[in-house]
Amino acid sequence: MVDAEEYERWRSEASRALEGAGAQADRDLYNWACFSSEQAAKLALKGLLHGIGRGPWGHDLDRLIETAREAGVAIGDEAASAGHRLGRHYIPARYPDAHAAGNPGRHYDAADWRQALQDSQAIIQIVDEAWDALQ
């Protein structure tokens, strides 16, 4: 039994978060673009877990990936590494006191954004493929 409505509720917000990340990157707000990329992957993954009745909790992408694997979702090591990299943006991209000096924006650049985008897209692709396989 799958919950398509709940999945779509979360998955649509994942698309919006990734769209927002692109808009932030266009304005050189790379720390926020990286954070939004992390959020997009997390929203998609949580949507899948909600959709298959695994009610995820928390904000740790590594733990969410582990939960998805336990539920039988095929997430390879490369995608798990993508999730691990993305998880690093959850706090330092937003909080000035996460760095020894300077605002978070000073610690992020276009290369960080490109990697975060690629990582987020990898997670979202796995989520979409897993969901399509359930249909």
Protein backbone atom coordinates (compact mmCIF):
# COMPACT_ATOMS: atom_id res chain seq x y z
CA MET A 1 0.00 0.00 0.00
CA VAL A 2 1.39 3.38 -1.00
CA ASP A 3 0.22 6.87 -0.16
CA ALA A 4 0.53 8.76 -3.43
CA GLU A 5 -1.04 11.93 -2.09
CA GLU A 6 1.45 12.23 0.76
CA TYR A 7 4.35 11.40 -1.52
CA GLU A 8 3.31 14.09 -4.00
CA ARG A 9 2.88 16.66 -1.22
CA TRP A 10 6.52 16.25 -0.22
CA ARG A 11 7.90 15.65 -3.70
CA SER A 12 6.38 18.83 -5.12
CA GLU A 13 8.06 20.87 -2.39
CA ALA A 14 11.35 19.20 -3.26
CA SER A 15 10.99 20.57 -6.79
CA ARG A 16 10.20 24.01 -5.44
CA ALA A 17 13.23 23.91 -3.13
CA LEU A 18 15.51 22.98 -6.02
CA GLU A 19 14.00 25.74 -8.15
CA GLY A 20 14.62 28.16 -5.29
CA ALA A 21 18.22 26.97 -5.05
CA GLY A 22 18.74 27.90 -8.68
CA ALA A 23 17.27 31.36 -8.12
CA GLN A 24 19.56 31.87 -5.12
CA ALA A 25 22.61 30.74 -7.09
CA ASP A 26 21.68 33.19 -9.87
CA ARG A 27 22.11 35.95 -7.27
CA ASP A 28 25.43 34.52 -5.97
CA LEU A 29 23.78 33.45 -2.72
CA TYR A 30 25.67 30.17 -2.85
CA ASN A 31 25.34 29.25 0.82
CA TRP A 32 21.56 29.48 0.55
CA ALA A 33 21.59 27.63 -2.77
CA CYS A 34 23.52 24.80 -1.12
CA PHE A 35 21.13 24.71 1.82
CA SER A 36 18.11 24.67 -0.50
CA SER A 37 19.69 21.84 -2.49
CA GLU A 38 20.07 19.87 0.73
CA GLN A 39 16.44 20.61 1.57
CA ALA A 40 15.27 19.49 -1.88
CA ALA A 41 16.94 16.10 -1.51
CA LYS A 42 15.62 15.73 2.03
CA LEU A 43 12.05 16.63 1.04
CA ALA A 44 12.10 14.14 -1.84
CA LEU A 45 13.51 11.38 0.34
CA LYS A 46 11.03 12.07 3.13
CA GLY A 47 8.23 12.06 0.57
CA LEU A 48 9.24 8.61 -0.59
CA LEU A 49 9.43 7.33 2.96
CA HIS A 50 6.03 8.82 3.81
CA GLY A 51 4.64 7.36 0.60
CA ILE A 52 5.72 3.85 1.54
CA GLY A 53 4.52 4.17 5.12
CA ARG A 54 7.91 4.59 6.77
CA GLY A 55 7.09 7.97 8.43
CA PRO A 56 10.57 9.51 8.60
CA TRP A 57 11.67 11.77 11.40
CA GLY A 58 14.63 14.07 11.66
CA HIS A 59 16.92 16.13 9.50
CA ASP A 60 19.93 13.87 9.01
CA LEU A 61 20.24 12.83 5.37
CA ASP A 62 22.55 9.96 6.27
CA ARG A 63 19.88 8.54 8.60
CA LEU A 64 17.11 9.07 6.05
CA ILE A 65 19.16 7.24 3.42
CA GLU A 66 19.75 4.40 5.88
CA THR A 67 16.00 4.24 6.57
CA ALA A 68 15.25 4.13 2.84
CA ARG A 69 17.79 1.34 2.35
CA GLU A 70 16.19 -0.59 5.22
CA ALA A 71 12.86 -0.21 3.40
CA GLY A 72 14.36 -1.79 0.28
CA VAL A 73 15.14 1.34 -1.73
CA ALA A 74 18.26 0.76 -3.82
CA ILE A 75 20.59 3.60 -2.89
CA GLY A 76 24.12 2.93 -4.02
CA ASP A 77 27.26 4.10 -2.28
CA GLU A 78 27.76 6.97 -4.72
CA ALA A 79 24.30 8.36 -4.00
CA ALA A 80 24.80 7.82 -0.28
CA SER A 81 28.00 9.87 -0.57
CA ALA A 82 26.02 12.58 -2.36
CA GLY A 83 23.59 12.64 0.57
CA HIS A 84 26.46 12.79 3.03
CA ARG A 85 27.99 15.79 1.24
CA LEU A 86 24.62 17.54 1.11
CA GLY A 87 24.04 16.98 4.82
CA ARG A 88 27.05 19.14 5.55
CA HIS A 89 25.13 22.20 4.33
CA TYR A 90 22.32 21.89 6.86
CA ILE A 91 23.82 24.15 9.55
CA PRO A 92 27.01 25.86 8.28
CA ALA A 93 25.29 27.31 5.23
CA ARG A 94 22.91 29.26 7.47
CA TYR A 95 24.47 30.14 10.80
CA PRO A 96 27.18 32.80 11.22
CA ASP A 97 28.52 31.07 14.33
CA ALA A 98 29.12 27.81 12.44
CA HIS A 99 32.38 29.25 11.09
CA ALA A 100 35.40 30.54 12.96
CA ALA A 101 35.07 33.91 11.24
CA GLY A 102 32.86 35.65 8.73
CA ASN A 103 29.37 35.09 7.49
CA PRO A 104 28.40 31.79 5.86
CA GLY A 105 28.22 33.46 2.46
CA ARG A 106 31.98 34.01 2.53
CA HIS A 107 32.55 30.26 2.80
CA TYR A 108 30.56 29.18 -0.27
CA ASP A 109 31.15 29.64 -3.98
CA ALA A 110 29.81 28.53 -7.36
CA ALA A 111 31.74 25.24 -7.21
CA ASP A 112 30.01 24.36 -3.93
CA TRP A 113 26.65 25.13 -5.53
CA ARG A 114 27.38 23.01 -8.61
CA GLN A 115 28.32 20.04 -6.42
CA ALA A 116 25.26 20.50 -4.20
CA LEU A 117 23.00 20.69 -7.25
CA GLN A 118 24.52 17.53 -8.71
CA ASP A 119 24.20 15.71 -5.38
CA SER A 120 20.61 16.81 -4.90
CA GLN A 121 19.65 15.75 -8.41
CA ALA A 122 21.21 12.33 -7.81
CA ILE A 123 19.10 11.75 -4.69
CA ILE A 124 15.94 13.05 -6.36
CA GLN A 125 16.50 10.80 -9.36
CA ILE A 126 16.74 7.75 -7.09
CA VAL A 127 13.58 8.80 -5.27
CA ASP A 128 11.70 9.26 -8.55
CA GLU A 129 12.89 5.91 -9.89
CA ALA A 130 11.95 4.12 -6.67
CA TRP A 131 8.51 5.72 -6.68
CA ASP A 132 7.93 4.90 -10.36
CA ALA A 133 8.81 1.26 -9.65
CA LEU A 134 6.03 1.15 -7.06
CA GLN A 135 3.39 2.30 -9.54
